């Protein structure tokens, strides 16, 4: 039963995230444009490596999961 709850909550989260991206596209315009993100643009070549954005996203998700774990106890 626990796996079912996790799947439902994950689905609801993805639905909410999708709605935010659809109706408020500028909300996440910062992703990939932080200092520390690598952008190489040359003729015929574009490379984006969002290092700082990925680290920030990982930190926020880790904090969120930690808080969820604290509230479940």
PDB file of N, CA and C in Angstrom:
ATOM      1  N   UNK A   1       0.810  -1.194   0.000  1.00  0.00           N
ATOM      2  CA  UNK A   1       0.000   0.000   0.000  1.00  0.00           C
ATOM      3  C   UNK A   1       0.856   1.262   0.000  1.00  0.00           C
ATOM      4  N   UNK A   2       2.024   1.228   0.616  1.00  0.00           N
ATOM      5  CA  UNK A   2       2.899   2.394   0.670  1.00  0.00           C
ATOM      6  C   UNK A   2       3.376   2.799  -0.717  1.00  0.00           C
ATOM      7  N   UNK A   3       3.668   1.827  -1.579  1.00  0.00           N
ATOM      8  CA  UNK A   3       4.139   2.135  -2.929  1.00  0.00           C
ATOM      9  C   UNK A   3       3.038   2.853  -3.698  1.00  0.00           C
ATOM     10  N   UNK A   4       1.811   2.447  -3.501  1.00  0.00           N
ATOM     11  CA  UNK A   4       0.684   3.100  -4.150  1.00  0.00           C
ATOM     12  C   UNK A   4       0.559   4.560  -3.757  1.00  0.00           C
ATOM     13  N   UNK A   5       0.728   4.849  -2.470  1.00  0.00           N
ATOM     14  CA  UNK A   5       0.662   6.232  -1.996  1.00  0.00           C
ATOM     15  C   UNK A   5       1.786   7.067  -2.594  1.00  0.00           C
ATOM     16  N   UNK A   6       2.973   6.501  -2.640  1.00  0.00           N
ATOM     17  CA  UNK A   6       4.113   7.219  -3.210  1.00  0.00           C
ATOM     18  C   UNK A   6       3.858   7.536  -4.678  1.00  0.00           C
ATOM     19  N   UNK A   7       3.316   6.581  -5.419  1.00  0.00           N
ATOM     20  CA  UNK A   7       3.023   6.810  -6.828  1.00  0.00           C
ATOM     21  C   UNK A   7       1.937   7.873  -7.018  1.00  0.00           C
ATOM     22  N   UNK A   8       0.926   7.855  -6.175  1.00  0.00           N
ATOM     23  CA  UNK A   8      -0.132   8.864  -6.276  1.00  0.00           C
ATOM     24  C   UNK A   8       0.422  10.245  -5.966  1.00  0.00           C
ATOM     25  N   UNK A   9       1.190  10.380  -4.895  1.00  0.00           N
ATOM     26  CA  UNK A   9       1.759  11.683  -4.539  1.00  0.00           C
ATOM     27  C   UNK A   9       2.753  12.158  -5.591  1.00  0.00           C
ATOM     28  N   UNK A  10       3.534  11.257  -6.138  1.00  0.00           N
ATOM     29  CA  UNK A  10       4.466  11.627  -7.196  1.00  0.00           C
ATOM     30  C   UNK A  10       3.710  12.103  -8.431  1.00  0.00           C
ATOM     31  N   UNK A  11       2.635  11.412  -8.771  1.00  0.00           N
ATOM     32  CA  UNK A  11       1.810  11.820  -9.906  1.00  0.00           C
ATOM     33  C   UNK A  11       1.179  13.182  -9.692  1.00  0.00           C
ATOM     34  N   UNK A  12       0.675  13.438  -8.488  1.00  0.00           N
ATOM     35  CA  UNK A  12       0.095  14.745  -8.186  1.00  0.00           C
ATOM     36  C   UNK A  12       1.142  15.850  -8.251  1.00  0.00           C
ATOM     37  N   UNK A  13       2.329  15.562  -7.752  1.00  0.00           N
ATOM     38  CA  UNK A  13       3.416  16.539  -7.807  1.00  0.00           C
ATOM     39  C   UNK A  13       3.783  16.851  -9.255  1.00  0.00           C
ATOM     40  N   UNK A  14       3.901  15.825 -10.093  1.00  0.00           N
ATOM     41  CA  UNK A  14       4.239  16.038 -11.494  1.00  0.00           C
ATOM     42  C   UNK A  14       3.121  16.780 -12.229  1.00  0.00           C
ATOM     43  N   UNK A  15       1.881  16.507 -11.874  1.00  0.00           N
ATOM     44  CA  UNK A  15       0.757  17.221 -12.463  1.00  0.00           C
ATOM     45  C   UNK A  15       0.807  18.702 -12.097  1.00  0.00           C
ATOM     46  N   UNK A  16       1.081  18.996 -10.842  1.00  0.00           N
ATOM     47  CA  UNK A  16       1.200  20.377 -10.389  1.00  0.00           C
ATOM     48  C   UNK A  16       2.369  21.077 -11.069  1.00  0.00           C
ATOM     49  N   UNK A  17       3.497  20.407 -11.151  1.00  0.00           N
ATOM     50  CA  UNK A  17       4.671  20.974 -11.803  1.00  0.00           C
ATOM     51  C   UNK A  17       4.393  21.233 -13.281  1.00  0.00           C
ATOM     52  N   UNK A  18       3.734  20.308 -13.944  1.00  0.00           N
ATOM     53  CA  UNK A  18       3.376  20.486 -15.349  1.00  0.00           C
ATOM     54  C   UNK A  18       2.437  21.660 -15.558  1.00  0.00           C
ATOM     55  N   UNK A  19       1.459  21.819 -14.663  1.00  0.00           N
ATOM     56  CA  UNK A  19       0.529  22.948 -14.765  1.00  0.00           C
ATOM     57  C   UNK A  19       1.262  24.271 -14.546  1.00  0.00           C
ATOM     58  N   UNK A  20       2.190  24.296 -13.588  1.00  0.00           N
ATOM     59  CA  UNK A  20       2.975  25.510 -13.364  1.00  0.00           C
ATOM     60  C   UNK A  20       3.804  25.865 -14.593  1.00  0.00           C
ATOM     61  N   UNK A  21       4.438  24.877 -15.189  1.00  0.00           N
ATOM     62  CA  UNK A  21       5.251  25.134 -16.381  1.00  0.00           C
ATOM     63  C   UNK A  21       4.394  25.555 -17.572  1.00  0.00           C
ATOM     64  N   UNK A  22       3.189  25.046 -17.651  1.00  0.00           N
ATOM     65  CA  UNK A  22       2.302  25.373 -18.764  1.00  0.00           C
ATOM     66  C   UNK A  22       1.744  26.785 -18.640  1.00  0.00           C
ATOM     67  N   UNK A  23       1.268  27.143 -17.452  1.00  0.00           N
ATOM     68  CA  UNK A  23       0.601  28.423 -17.274  1.00  0.00           C
ATOM     69  C   UNK A  23       1.524  29.550 -16.806  1.00  0.00           C
ATOM     70  N   UNK A  24       2.662  29.216 -16.231  1.00  0.00           N
ATOM     71  CA  UNK A  24       3.621  30.221 -15.777  1.00  0.00           C
ATOM     72  C   UNK A  24       5.025  29.844 -16.265  1.00  0.00           C
ATOM     73  N   UNK A  25       5.285  29.948 -17.574  1.00  0.00           N
ATOM     74  CA  UNK A  25       6.562  29.477 -18.112  1.00  0.00           C
ATOM     75  C   UNK A  25       7.773  30.280 -17.613  1.00  0.00           C
ATOM     76  N   UNK A  26       7.583  31.525 -17.228  1.00  0.00           N
ATOM     77  CA  UNK A  26       8.714  32.340 -16.762  1.00  0.00           C
ATOM     78  C   UNK A  26       9.090  32.047 -15.315  1.00  0.00           C
ATOM     79  N   UNK A  27       8.283  31.208 -14.656  1.00  0.00           N
ATOM     80  CA  UNK A  27       8.552  30.861 -13.264  1.00  0.00           C
ATOM     81  C   UNK A  27       9.887  30.125 -13.122  1.00  0.00           C
ATOM     82  N   UNK A  28      10.218  29.301 -14.110  1.00  0.00           N
ATOM     83  CA  UNK A  28      11.460  28.539 -14.069  1.00  0.00           C
ATOM     84  C   UNK A  28      12.438  28.999 -15.141  1.00  0.00           C
ATOM     85  N   UNK A  29      12.354  30.258 -15.576  1.00  0.00           N
ATOM     86  CA  UNK A  29      13.250  30.779 -16.608  1.00  0.00           C
ATOM     87  C   UNK A  29      14.692  30.885 -16.095  1.00  0.00           C
ATOM     88  N   UNK A  30      14.872  30.893 -14.787  1.00  0.00           N
ATOM     89  CA  UNK A  30      16.207  31.007 -14.203  1.00  0.00           C
ATOM     90  C   UNK A  30      17.021  29.733 -14.383  1.00  0.00           C
ATOM     91  N   UNK A  31      16.323  28.605 -14.576  1.00  0.00           N
ATOM     92  CA  UNK A  31      17.031  27.324 -14.645  1.00  0.00           C
ATOM     93  C   UNK A  31      17.927  27.302 -15.875  1.00  0.00           C
ATOM     94  N   UNK A  32      19.213  27.103 -15.639  1.00  0.00           N
ATOM     95  CA  UNK A  32      20.185  27.079 -16.725  1.00  0.00           C
ATOM     96  C   UNK A  32      20.868  28.410 -16.962  1.00  0.00           C
ATOM     97  N   UNK A  33      20.489  29.434 -16.183  1.00  0.00           N
ATOM     98  CA  UNK A  33      21.058  30.766 -16.373  1.00  0.00           C
ATOM     99  C   UNK A  33      21.706  31.310 -15.099  1.00  0.00           C
ATOM    100  N   UNK A  34      22.010  30.445 -14.153  1.00  0.00           N
ATOM    101  CA  UNK A  34      22.655  30.889 -12.920  1.00  0.00           C
ATOM    102  C   UNK A  34      24.157  30.994 -13.128  1.00  0.00           C
ATOM    103  N   UNK A  35      24.837  31.811 -12.305  1.00  0.00           N
ATOM    104  CA  UNK A  35      26.293  31.817 -12.362  1.00  0.00           C
ATOM    105  C   UNK A  35      26.803  30.420 -11.990  1.00  0.00           C
ATOM    106  N   UNK A  36      27.682  29.889 -12.765  1.00  0.00           N
ATOM    107  CA  UNK A  36      28.172  28.527 -12.539  1.00  0.00           C
ATOM    108  C   UNK A  36      27.626  27.549 -13.559  1.00  0.00           C
ATOM    109  N   UNK A  37      26.607  27.947 -14.300  1.00  0.00           N
ATOM    110  CA  UNK A  37      26.099  27.125 -15.396  1.00  0.00           C
ATOM    111  C   UNK A  37      26.967  27.373 -16.623  1.00  0.00           C
ATOM    112  N   UNK A  38      27.321  26.324 -17.308  1.00  0.00           N
ATOM    113  CA  UNK A  38      28.215  26.426 -18.455  1.00  0.00           C
ATOM    114  C   UNK A  38      27.385  26.455 -19.735  1.00  0.00           C
ATOM    115  N   UNK A  39      27.632  27.490 -20.542  1.00  0.00           N
ATOM    116  CA  UNK A  39      26.958  27.626 -21.836  1.00  0.00           C
ATOM    117  C   UNK A  39      28.022  27.880 -22.888  1.00  0.00           C
ATOM    118  N   UNK A  40      28.104  27.017 -23.839  1.00  0.00           N
ATOM    119  CA  UNK A  40      29.033  27.171 -24.958  1.00  0.00           C
ATOM    120  C   UNK A  40      28.207  27.265 -26.232  1.00  0.00           C
ATOM    121  N   UNK A  41      28.296  28.411 -26.886  1.00  0.00           N
ATOM    122  CA  UNK A  41      27.547  28.612 -28.121  1.00  0.00           C
ATOM    123  C   UNK A  41      28.511  29.049 -29.209  1.00  0.00           C
ATOM    124  N   UNK A  42      28.617  28.222 -30.207  1.00  0.00           N
ATOM    125  CA  UNK A  42      29.439  28.531 -31.374  1.00  0.00           C
ATOM    126  C   UNK A  42      28.635  28.182 -32.610  1.00  0.00           C
ATOM    127  N   UNK A  43      29.146  28.540 -33.733  1.00  0.00           N
ATOM    128  CA  UNK A  43      28.447  28.233 -34.974  1.00  0.00           C
ATOM    129  C   UNK A  43      28.326  26.722 -35.140  1.00  0.00           C
ATOM    130  N   UNK A  44      27.099  26.255 -35.178  1.00  0.00           N
ATOM    131  CA  UNK A  44      26.842  24.829 -35.340  1.00  0.00           C
ATOM    132  C   UNK A  44      26.968  24.008 -34.068  1.00  0.00           C
ATOM    133  N   UNK A  45      27.156  24.676 -32.912  1.00  0.00           N
ATOM    134  CA  UNK A  45      27.325  23.934 -31.665  1.00  0.00           C
ATOM    135  C   UNK A  45      26.713  24.711 -30.508  1.00  0.00           C
ATOM    136  N   UNK A  46      25.892  24.038 -29.729  1.00  0.00           N
ATOM    137  CA  UNK A  46      25.346  24.598 -28.491  1.00  0.00           C
ATOM    138  C   UNK A  46      25.446  23.537 -27.411  1.00  0.00           C
ATOM    139  N   UNK A  47      26.087  23.901 -26.314  1.00  0.00           N
ATOM    140  CA  UNK A  47      26.231  22.981 -25.191  1.00  0.00           C
ATOM    141  C   UNK A  47      25.801  23.721 -23.926  1.00  0.00           C
ATOM    142  N   UNK A  48      24.857  23.137 -23.198  1.00  0.00           N
ATOM    143  CA  UNK A  48      24.393  23.681 -21.926  1.00  0.00           C
ATOM    144  C   UNK A  48      24.678  22.657 -20.836  1.00  0.00           C
ATOM    145  N   UNK A  49      25.391  23.077 -19.817  1.00  0.00           N
ATOM    146  CA  UNK A  49      25.670  22.211 -18.670  1.00  0.00           C
ATOM    147  C   UNK A  49      25.257  22.999 -17.417  1.00  0.00           C
ATOM    148  N   UNK A  50      24.045  22.770 -16.930  1.00  0.00           N
ATOM    149  CA  UNK A  50      23.532  23.559 -15.794  1.00  0.00           C
ATOM    150  C   UNK A  50      24.035  23.037 -14.443  1.00  0.00           C
ATOM    151  N   UNK A  51      25.301  23.257 -14.145  1.00  0.00           N
ATOM    152  CA  UNK A  51      25.885  22.754 -12.894  1.00  0.00           C
ATOM    153  C   UNK A  51      25.251  23.399 -11.660  1.00  0.00           C
ATOM    154  N   UNK A  52      25.263  24.726 -11.616  1.00  0.00           N
ATOM    155  CA  UNK A  52      24.731  25.421 -10.438  1.00  0.00           C
ATOM    156  C   UNK A  52      23.229  25.183 -10.291  1.00  0.00           C
ATOM    157  N   UNK A  53      22.516  25.188 -11.398  1.00  0.00           N
ATOM    158  CA  UNK A  53      21.070  24.946 -11.340  1.00  0.00           C
ATOM    159  C   UNK A  53      20.776  23.540 -10.831  1.00  0.00           C
ATOM    160  N   UNK A  54      21.549  22.568 -11.276  1.00  0.00           N
ATOM    161  CA  UNK A  54      21.349  21.189 -10.830  1.00  0.00           C
ATOM    162  C   UNK A  54      21.671  21.033  -9.346  1.00  0.00           C
ATOM    163  N   UNK A  55      22.718  21.686  -8.891  1.00  0.00           N
ATOM    164  CA  UNK A  55      23.056  21.629  -7.467  1.00  0.00           C
ATOM    165  C   UNK A  55      21.968  22.269  -6.614  1.00  0.00           C
ATOM    166  N   UNK A  56      21.451  23.406  -7.056  1.00  0.00           N
ATOM    167  CA  UNK A  56      20.377  24.074  -6.320  1.00  0.00           C
ATOM    168  C   UNK A  56      19.116  23.217  -6.296  1.00  0.00           C
ATOM    169  N   UNK A  57      18.767  22.638  -7.414  1.00  0.00           N
ATOM    170  CA  UNK A  57      17.592  21.766  -7.485  1.00  0.00           C
ATOM    171  C   UNK A  57      17.760  20.548  -6.582  1.00  0.00           C
ATOM    172  N   UNK A  58      18.947  19.970  -6.572  1.00  0.00           N
ATOM    173  CA  UNK A  58      19.218  18.822  -5.707  1.00  0.00           C
ATOM    174  C   UNK A  58      19.106  19.208  -4.233  1.00  0.00           C
ATOM    175  N   UNK A  59      19.628  20.363  -3.889  1.00  0.00           N
ATOM    176  CA  UNK A  59      19.546  20.838  -2.507  1.00  0.00           C
ATOM    177  C   UNK A  59      18.094  21.058  -2.084  1.00  0.00           C
ATOM    178  N   UNK A  60      17.305  21.688  -2.949  1.00  0.00           N
ATOM    179  CA  UNK A  60      15.902  21.941  -2.623  1.00  0.00           C
ATOM    180  C   UNK A  60      15.102  20.651  -2.493  1.00  0.00           C
ATOM    181  N   UNK A  61      15.326  19.705  -3.401  1.00  0.00           N
ATOM    182  CA  UNK A  61      14.610  18.431  -3.316  1.00  0.00           C
ATOM    183  C   UNK A  61      15.031  17.622  -2.094  1.00  0.00           C
ATOM    184  N   UNK A  62      16.309  17.660  -1.743  1.00  0.00           N
ATOM    185  CA  UNK A  62      16.784  16.963  -0.546  1.00  0.00           C
ATOM    186  C   UNK A  62      16.153  17.564   0.710  1.00  0.00           C
ATOM    187  N   UNK A  63      16.082  18.891   0.758  1.00  0.00           N
ATOM    188  CA  UNK A  63      15.459  19.560   1.895  1.00  0.00           C
ATOM    189  C   UNK A  63      13.981  19.216   1.978  1.00  0.00           C
ATOM    190  N   UNK A  64      13.288  19.216   0.856  1.00  0.00           N
ATOM    191  CA  UNK A  64      11.872  18.869   0.829  1.00  0.00           C
ATOM    192  C   UNK A  64      11.640  17.440   1.310  1.00  0.00           C
ATOM    193  N   UNK A  65      12.433  16.496   0.818  1.00  0.00           N
ATOM    194  CA  UNK A  65      12.278  15.105   1.238  1.00  0.00           C
ATOM    195  C   UNK A  65      12.616  14.917   2.715  1.00  0.00           C
ATOM    196  N   UNK A  66      13.604  15.661   3.206  1.00  0.00           N
ATOM    197  CA  UNK A  66      13.944  15.598   4.622  1.00  0.00           C
ATOM    198  C   UNK A  66      12.787  16.104   5.484  1.00  0.00           C
ATOM    199  N   UNK A  67      12.182  17.207   5.065  1.00  0.00           N
ATOM    200  CA  UNK A  67      11.038  17.746   5.819  1.00  0.00           C
ATOM    201  C   UNK A  67       9.848  16.804   5.777  1.00  0.00           C
ATOM    202  N   UNK A  68       9.609  16.181   4.637  1.00  0.00           N
ATOM    203  CA  UNK A  68       8.525  15.206   4.544  1.00  0.00           C
ATOM    204  C   UNK A  68       8.791  14.037   5.488  1.00  0.00           C
ATOM    205  N   UNK A  69      10.059  13.596   5.557  1.00  0.00           N
ATOM    206  CA  UNK A  69      10.423  12.505   6.459  1.00  0.00           C
ATOM    207  C   UNK A  69      10.235  12.879   7.925  1.00  0.00           C
ATOM    208  N   UNK A  70      10.511  14.142   8.261  1.00  0.00           N
ATOM    209  CA  UNK A  70      10.314  14.588   9.646  1.00  0.00           C
ATOM    210  C   UNK A  70       8.842  14.607  10.027  1.00  0.00           C
ATOM    211  N   UNK A  71       7.982  15.028   9.102  1.00  0.00           N
ATOM    212  CA  UNK A  71       6.553  15.105   9.394  1.00  0.00           C
ATOM    213  C   UNK A  71       5.890  13.740   9.437  1.00  0.00           C
ATOM    214  N   UNK A  72       6.485  12.748   8.816  1.00  0.00           N
ATOM    215  CA  UNK A  72       5.883  11.412   8.792  1.00  0.00           C
ATOM    216  C   UNK A  72       6.156  10.648  10.077  1.00  0.00           C
ATOM    217  N   UNK A  73       7.105  11.098  10.890  1.00  0.00           N
ATOM    218  CA  UNK A  73       7.453  10.389  12.127  1.00  0.00           C
ATOM    219  C   UNK A  73       6.476  10.656  13.221  1.00  0.00           C
TER     220      UNK A  73
END
